N, C-alpha and C. Protein backbone atom coordinates (compact mmCIF):
# COMPACT_ATOMS: atom_id res chain seq x y z
N MET A 1 0.84 -1.18 0.00
CA MET A 1 0.00 0.00 0.00
C MET A 1 0.89 1.23 0.00
N ASN A 2 0.56 2.16 -0.86
CA ASN A 2 1.24 3.45 -0.89
C ASN A 2 0.36 4.50 -0.23
N ILE A 3 0.96 5.31 0.58
CA ILE A 3 0.24 6.40 1.23
C ILE A 3 0.92 7.69 0.83
N LYS A 4 0.13 8.61 0.30
CA LYS A 4 0.67 9.92 -0.07
C LYS A 4 -0.02 10.96 0.79
N ILE A 5 0.77 11.74 1.47
CA ILE A 5 0.24 12.79 2.33
C ILE A 5 0.67 14.13 1.76
N HIS A 6 -0.29 15.01 1.62
CA HIS A 6 0.02 16.37 1.18
C HIS A 6 -0.58 17.32 2.22
N ILE A 7 0.27 17.99 2.94
CA ILE A 7 -0.19 18.98 3.91
C ILE A 7 -0.07 20.33 3.23
N GLU A 8 -1.21 20.86 2.84
CA GLU A 8 -1.21 22.13 2.12
C GLU A 8 -0.88 23.29 3.04
N ARG A 9 -1.41 23.20 4.25
CA ARG A 9 -1.22 24.32 5.17
C ARG A 9 -1.17 23.79 6.59
N LEU A 10 -0.17 24.19 7.32
CA LEU A 10 -0.03 23.83 8.72
C LEU A 10 0.00 25.12 9.52
N VAL A 11 -1.06 25.38 10.25
CA VAL A 11 -1.18 26.63 11.01
C VAL A 11 -0.60 26.41 12.40
N LEU A 12 0.35 27.23 12.77
CA LEU A 12 1.04 27.09 14.05
C LEU A 12 0.82 28.31 14.94
N ASP A 13 -0.36 28.86 14.89
CA ASP A 13 -0.68 30.04 15.71
C ASP A 13 -0.55 29.72 17.19
N GLY A 14 0.06 30.63 17.90
CA GLY A 14 0.14 30.51 19.35
C GLY A 14 1.26 29.62 19.85
N LEU A 15 2.05 29.05 18.96
CA LEU A 15 3.16 28.21 19.41
C LEU A 15 4.40 29.06 19.64
N PRO A 16 5.21 28.65 20.60
CA PRO A 16 6.40 29.43 20.93
C PRO A 16 7.57 29.18 19.98
N ILE A 17 7.33 29.41 18.69
CA ILE A 17 8.39 29.22 17.70
C ILE A 17 8.44 30.45 16.80
N THR A 18 9.56 30.65 16.19
CA THR A 18 9.71 31.76 15.26
C THR A 18 9.54 31.24 13.84
N ARG A 19 9.39 32.17 12.91
CA ARG A 19 9.26 31.79 11.49
C ARG A 19 10.47 30.96 11.04
N ALA A 20 11.62 31.25 11.58
CA ALA A 20 12.83 30.51 11.20
C ALA A 20 12.77 29.04 11.61
N HIS A 21 11.98 28.73 12.65
CA HIS A 21 11.86 27.35 13.12
C HIS A 21 10.79 26.56 12.38
N GLY A 22 9.97 27.26 11.58
CA GLY A 22 8.88 26.60 10.86
C GLY A 22 9.31 25.41 10.02
N PRO A 23 10.37 25.52 9.20
CA PRO A 23 10.79 24.38 8.39
C PRO A 23 11.21 23.16 9.23
N ALA A 24 11.83 23.39 10.38
CA ALA A 24 12.23 22.27 11.24
C ALA A 24 11.00 21.59 11.84
N VAL A 25 9.99 22.38 12.21
CA VAL A 25 8.75 21.80 12.73
C VAL A 25 8.08 21.00 11.62
N GLN A 26 8.01 21.56 10.42
CA GLN A 26 7.39 20.86 9.30
C GLN A 26 8.09 19.54 9.02
N GLN A 27 9.40 19.55 9.00
CA GLN A 27 10.18 18.34 8.73
C GLN A 27 9.90 17.29 9.81
N ALA A 28 9.84 17.70 11.06
CA ALA A 28 9.57 16.76 12.15
C ALA A 28 8.15 16.19 12.04
N VAL A 29 7.18 17.03 11.67
CA VAL A 29 5.80 16.54 11.49
C VAL A 29 5.78 15.49 10.39
N GLU A 30 6.37 15.80 9.25
CA GLU A 30 6.36 14.87 8.12
C GLU A 30 7.06 13.55 8.45
N ALA A 31 8.21 13.62 9.08
CA ALA A 31 8.97 12.41 9.41
C ALA A 31 8.22 11.54 10.41
N GLU A 32 7.69 12.15 11.46
CA GLU A 32 7.00 11.38 12.50
C GLU A 32 5.67 10.83 11.98
N LEU A 33 4.95 11.61 11.20
CA LEU A 33 3.68 11.14 10.65
C LEU A 33 3.92 9.98 9.69
N THR A 34 4.97 10.06 8.91
CA THR A 34 5.34 8.95 8.02
C THR A 34 5.63 7.70 8.83
N ARG A 35 6.38 7.83 9.91
CA ARG A 35 6.71 6.68 10.75
C ARG A 35 5.46 6.09 11.38
N LEU A 36 4.58 6.94 11.91
CA LEU A 36 3.36 6.46 12.55
C LEU A 36 2.47 5.72 11.57
N LEU A 37 2.33 6.26 10.36
CA LEU A 37 1.50 5.60 9.35
C LEU A 37 2.10 4.28 8.89
N ALA A 38 3.43 4.23 8.76
CA ALA A 38 4.08 2.99 8.36
C ALA A 38 3.90 1.91 9.44
N ASP A 39 3.98 2.31 10.70
CA ASP A 39 3.84 1.36 11.81
C ASP A 39 2.39 0.98 12.09
N GLY A 40 1.49 1.97 12.06
CA GLY A 40 0.12 1.71 12.50
C GLY A 40 -0.94 1.73 11.43
N GLY A 41 -0.66 2.32 10.29
CA GLY A 41 -1.63 2.36 9.21
C GLY A 41 -2.69 3.44 9.36
N LEU A 42 -3.58 3.44 8.39
CA LEU A 42 -4.68 4.41 8.34
C LEU A 42 -5.93 3.84 8.97
N SER A 43 -6.83 4.73 9.33
CA SER A 43 -8.12 4.29 9.84
C SER A 43 -8.87 3.57 8.71
N GLN A 44 -9.83 2.77 9.06
CA GLN A 44 -10.60 2.01 8.08
C GLN A 44 -11.30 2.96 7.10
N ASP A 45 -11.74 4.10 7.59
CA ASP A 45 -12.42 5.08 6.73
C ASP A 45 -11.53 5.59 5.60
N LEU A 46 -10.23 5.65 5.84
CA LEU A 46 -9.30 6.19 4.84
C LEU A 46 -8.53 5.12 4.08
N SER A 47 -8.59 3.88 4.53
CA SER A 47 -7.75 2.83 3.93
C SER A 47 -8.07 2.58 2.46
N GLY A 48 -9.27 2.93 2.01
CA GLY A 48 -9.63 2.76 0.61
C GLY A 48 -9.23 3.94 -0.26
N GLY A 49 -8.66 4.96 0.33
CA GLY A 49 -8.24 6.14 -0.42
C GLY A 49 -9.18 7.30 -0.20
N GLY A 50 -8.83 8.43 -0.72
CA GLY A 50 -9.66 9.62 -0.59
C GLY A 50 -8.88 10.79 -0.06
N ALA A 51 -9.55 11.91 -0.01
CA ALA A 51 -8.94 13.14 0.46
C ALA A 51 -9.75 13.69 1.62
N MET A 52 -9.07 14.41 2.48
CA MET A 52 -9.73 15.06 3.61
C MET A 52 -9.41 16.54 3.54
N PRO A 53 -10.43 17.39 3.54
CA PRO A 53 -10.14 18.83 3.48
C PRO A 53 -9.52 19.35 4.77
N SER A 54 -9.75 18.65 5.87
CA SER A 54 -9.14 19.04 7.15
C SER A 54 -9.16 17.83 8.08
N VAL A 55 -8.37 17.91 9.11
CA VAL A 55 -8.30 16.85 10.11
C VAL A 55 -8.45 17.51 11.48
N THR A 56 -9.37 16.98 12.27
CA THR A 56 -9.51 17.46 13.63
C THR A 56 -8.47 16.75 14.48
N ALA A 57 -7.65 17.52 15.14
CA ALA A 57 -6.57 16.96 15.95
C ALA A 57 -6.75 17.36 17.40
N ARG A 58 -6.34 16.47 18.28
CA ARG A 58 -6.44 16.79 19.71
C ARG A 58 -5.35 17.80 20.07
N GLY A 59 -5.52 18.44 21.20
CA GLY A 59 -4.56 19.43 21.66
C GLY A 59 -3.23 18.81 22.04
N ILE A 60 -2.22 19.64 22.10
CA ILE A 60 -0.89 19.18 22.53
C ILE A 60 -0.48 19.96 23.75
N GLN A 61 0.41 19.38 24.52
CA GLN A 61 0.96 20.03 25.72
C GLN A 61 2.42 20.38 25.44
N LEU A 62 2.71 21.66 25.42
CA LEU A 62 4.08 22.09 25.16
C LEU A 62 4.83 22.27 26.46
N LYS A 63 6.07 21.83 26.45
CA LYS A 63 6.94 22.02 27.59
C LYS A 63 7.78 23.27 27.35
N HIS A 64 8.01 24.02 28.40
CA HIS A 64 8.83 25.22 28.29
C HIS A 64 10.20 24.85 27.76
N GLY A 65 10.63 25.54 26.74
CA GLY A 65 11.94 25.28 26.16
C GLY A 65 11.97 24.12 25.20
N GLY A 66 10.78 23.62 24.79
CA GLY A 66 10.73 22.50 23.85
C GLY A 66 11.32 22.91 22.51
N ASP A 67 12.00 21.97 21.86
CA ASP A 67 12.63 22.28 20.58
C ASP A 67 11.65 22.04 19.42
N SER A 68 12.03 22.48 18.25
CA SER A 68 11.19 22.38 17.07
C SER A 68 10.84 20.93 16.74
N GLY A 69 11.82 20.05 16.89
CA GLY A 69 11.57 18.63 16.61
C GLY A 69 10.53 18.03 17.53
N ALA A 70 10.62 18.35 18.81
CA ALA A 70 9.65 17.84 19.78
C ALA A 70 8.25 18.38 19.49
N ILE A 71 8.17 19.64 19.14
CA ILE A 71 6.87 20.23 18.81
C ILE A 71 6.30 19.54 17.57
N GLY A 72 7.11 19.34 16.56
CA GLY A 72 6.67 18.67 15.33
C GLY A 72 6.19 17.25 15.59
N ARG A 73 6.90 16.52 16.44
CA ARG A 73 6.49 15.14 16.76
C ARG A 73 5.16 15.13 17.50
N GLN A 74 4.95 16.07 18.40
CA GLN A 74 3.68 16.14 19.11
C GLN A 74 2.54 16.46 18.15
N ILE A 75 2.77 17.35 17.22
CA ILE A 75 1.76 17.68 16.23
C ILE A 75 1.43 16.44 15.40
N ALA A 76 2.45 15.71 14.98
CA ALA A 76 2.24 14.49 14.18
C ALA A 76 1.39 13.47 14.94
N HIS A 77 1.66 13.27 16.22
CA HIS A 77 0.88 12.33 17.02
C HIS A 77 -0.58 12.80 17.12
N SER A 78 -0.76 14.09 17.26
CA SER A 78 -2.10 14.64 17.34
C SER A 78 -2.86 14.42 16.03
N VAL A 79 -2.22 14.70 14.91
CA VAL A 79 -2.85 14.50 13.60
C VAL A 79 -3.12 13.01 13.37
N TYR A 80 -2.18 12.18 13.74
CA TYR A 80 -2.36 10.73 13.54
C TYR A 80 -3.59 10.24 14.30
N GLY A 81 -3.89 10.85 15.43
CA GLY A 81 -5.08 10.49 16.17
C GLY A 81 -6.36 10.70 15.36
N GLY A 82 -6.32 11.58 14.36
CA GLY A 82 -7.48 11.84 13.52
C GLY A 82 -7.53 11.02 12.25
N ILE A 83 -6.41 10.36 11.87
CA ILE A 83 -6.39 9.60 10.62
C ILE A 83 -5.91 8.16 10.77
N GLY A 84 -5.33 7.83 11.91
CA GLY A 84 -4.75 6.51 12.08
C GLY A 84 -5.69 5.51 12.72
N LYS A 85 -5.17 4.29 12.84
CA LYS A 85 -5.94 3.20 13.45
C LYS A 85 -6.08 3.41 14.93
């Protein structure tokens, strides 16, 4: 099974990161979401294919001084909760 993910827009309002950290957060989200999908797969609703205009994701808890990679991984886990098994 091939899974193609296209994140058109990732809104990071209210997060303690600067514009310069955005690419590192994006890279961490993509890498962790890829790993989660490879390990756990998609929900039954999405396993046949299709597109989603948006994904409802649960909140994340940020730790003071968290790095861009950690923030990206938390976002990926939150998104995976809306599309994964």
